[in-house]
Amino acid sequence: MDPTMSLAFEAGSGVSPTALRTTVQLIASGVILLVFAWAMLAIFNAYKEERASLMSATWSALKVMVILAVLFFAVFR
């Protein structure tokens, strides 16, 4: 975004584009981390209640971590 567009955006919305981007990134990060924690707890509870084997729980946790990394890459690039 060039300086003219940035100034026009700030004049129209009252917020600078960088502040808005930072706010959206922080909110998205919080939601992503909450979903990640929920998924990891679900995997742990399934293992604890013997609904999933150790191998299955490990693979599921690995998949969730890869998805977490991809989502953070998409949010912060």
Protein backbone atom coordinates (compact mmCIF):
# COMPACT_ATOMS: atom_id res chain seq x y z
CA MET A 1 0.00 0.00 0.00
CA ASP A 2 1.51 3.32 -1.02
CA PRO A 3 1.47 6.36 1.29
CA THR A 4 -1.48 7.99 -0.50
CA MET A 5 -3.69 4.94 -0.06
CA SER A 6 -2.56 4.60 3.55
CA LEU A 7 -3.48 8.19 4.32
CA ALA A 8 -6.84 7.82 2.56
CA PHE A 9 -7.58 4.64 4.52
CA GLU A 10 -6.66 6.33 7.79
CA ALA A 11 -8.79 9.38 6.96
CA GLY A 12 -11.77 7.21 6.09
CA SER A 13 -11.60 4.71 8.91
CA GLY A 14 -9.80 6.62 11.65
CA VAL A 15 -7.31 3.79 12.13
CA SER A 16 -3.95 3.29 10.50
CA PRO A 17 -3.62 0.18 8.30
CA THR A 18 -0.72 -1.16 10.37
CA ALA A 19 -2.70 -0.86 13.61
CA LEU A 20 -5.67 -2.64 12.02
CA ARG A 21 -3.43 -5.39 10.64
CA THR A 22 -1.79 -5.92 14.04
CA THR A 23 -5.18 -6.07 15.75
CA VAL A 24 -6.54 -8.60 13.26
CA GLN A 25 -3.38 -10.72 13.57
CA LEU A 26 -3.62 -10.76 17.37
CA ILE A 27 -7.30 -11.73 17.32
CA ALA A 28 -6.66 -14.46 14.74
CA SER A 29 -3.71 -15.76 16.77
CA GLY A 30 -5.84 -15.97 19.89
CA VAL A 31 -8.58 -17.90 18.09
CA ILE A 32 -6.05 -20.23 16.47
CA LEU A 33 -4.38 -20.95 19.82
CA LEU A 34 -7.73 -21.62 21.51
CA VAL A 35 -8.71 -24.10 18.80
CA PHE A 36 -5.25 -25.69 19.02
CA ALA A 37 -5.57 -26.10 22.79
CA TRP A 38 -9.06 -27.58 22.40
CA ALA A 39 -7.83 -30.07 19.79
CA MET A 40 -4.85 -31.12 21.89
CA LEU A 41 -7.09 -31.61 24.95
CA ALA A 42 -9.48 -33.70 22.87
CA ILE A 43 -6.58 -35.86 21.66
CA PHE A 44 -5.21 -36.25 25.18
CA ASN A 45 -8.64 -37.17 26.59
CA ALA A 46 -9.16 -39.73 23.83
CA TYR A 47 -5.81 -41.31 24.68
CA LYS A 48 -6.50 -41.18 28.41
CA GLU A 49 -9.89 -42.85 28.00
CA GLU A 50 -8.33 -45.47 25.69
CA ARG A 51 -10.37 -44.40 22.66
CA ALA A 52 -7.12 -43.80 20.77
CA SER A 53 -3.84 -45.67 20.74
CA LEU A 54 -0.53 -43.97 21.43
CA MET A 55 0.35 -44.04 17.74
CA SER A 56 -3.01 -42.57 16.73
CA ALA A 57 -2.78 -39.82 19.36
CA THR A 58 0.77 -38.97 18.31
CA TRP A 59 -0.15 -38.73 14.62
CA SER A 60 -3.21 -36.64 15.44
CA ALA A 61 -1.13 -34.26 17.57
CA LEU A 62 1.44 -33.98 14.79
CA LYS A 63 -1.27 -33.16 12.25
CA VAL A 64 -2.70 -30.48 14.54
CA MET A 65 0.76 -28.94 14.99
CA VAL A 66 1.35 -28.84 11.23
CA ILE A 67 -2.03 -27.16 10.73
CA LEU A 68 -1.13 -24.68 13.48
CA ALA A 69 2.15 -23.83 11.75
CA VAL A 70 0.44 -23.35 8.37
CA LEU A 71 -2.24 -21.11 9.90
CA PHE A 72 0.34 -18.96 11.68
CA PHE A 73 2.30 -18.68 8.46
CA ALA A 74 -0.84 -17.55 6.64
CA VAL A 75 -1.72 -15.00 9.32
CA PHE A 76 1.74 -13.47 9.71
CA ARG A 77 3.11 -13.47 6.18
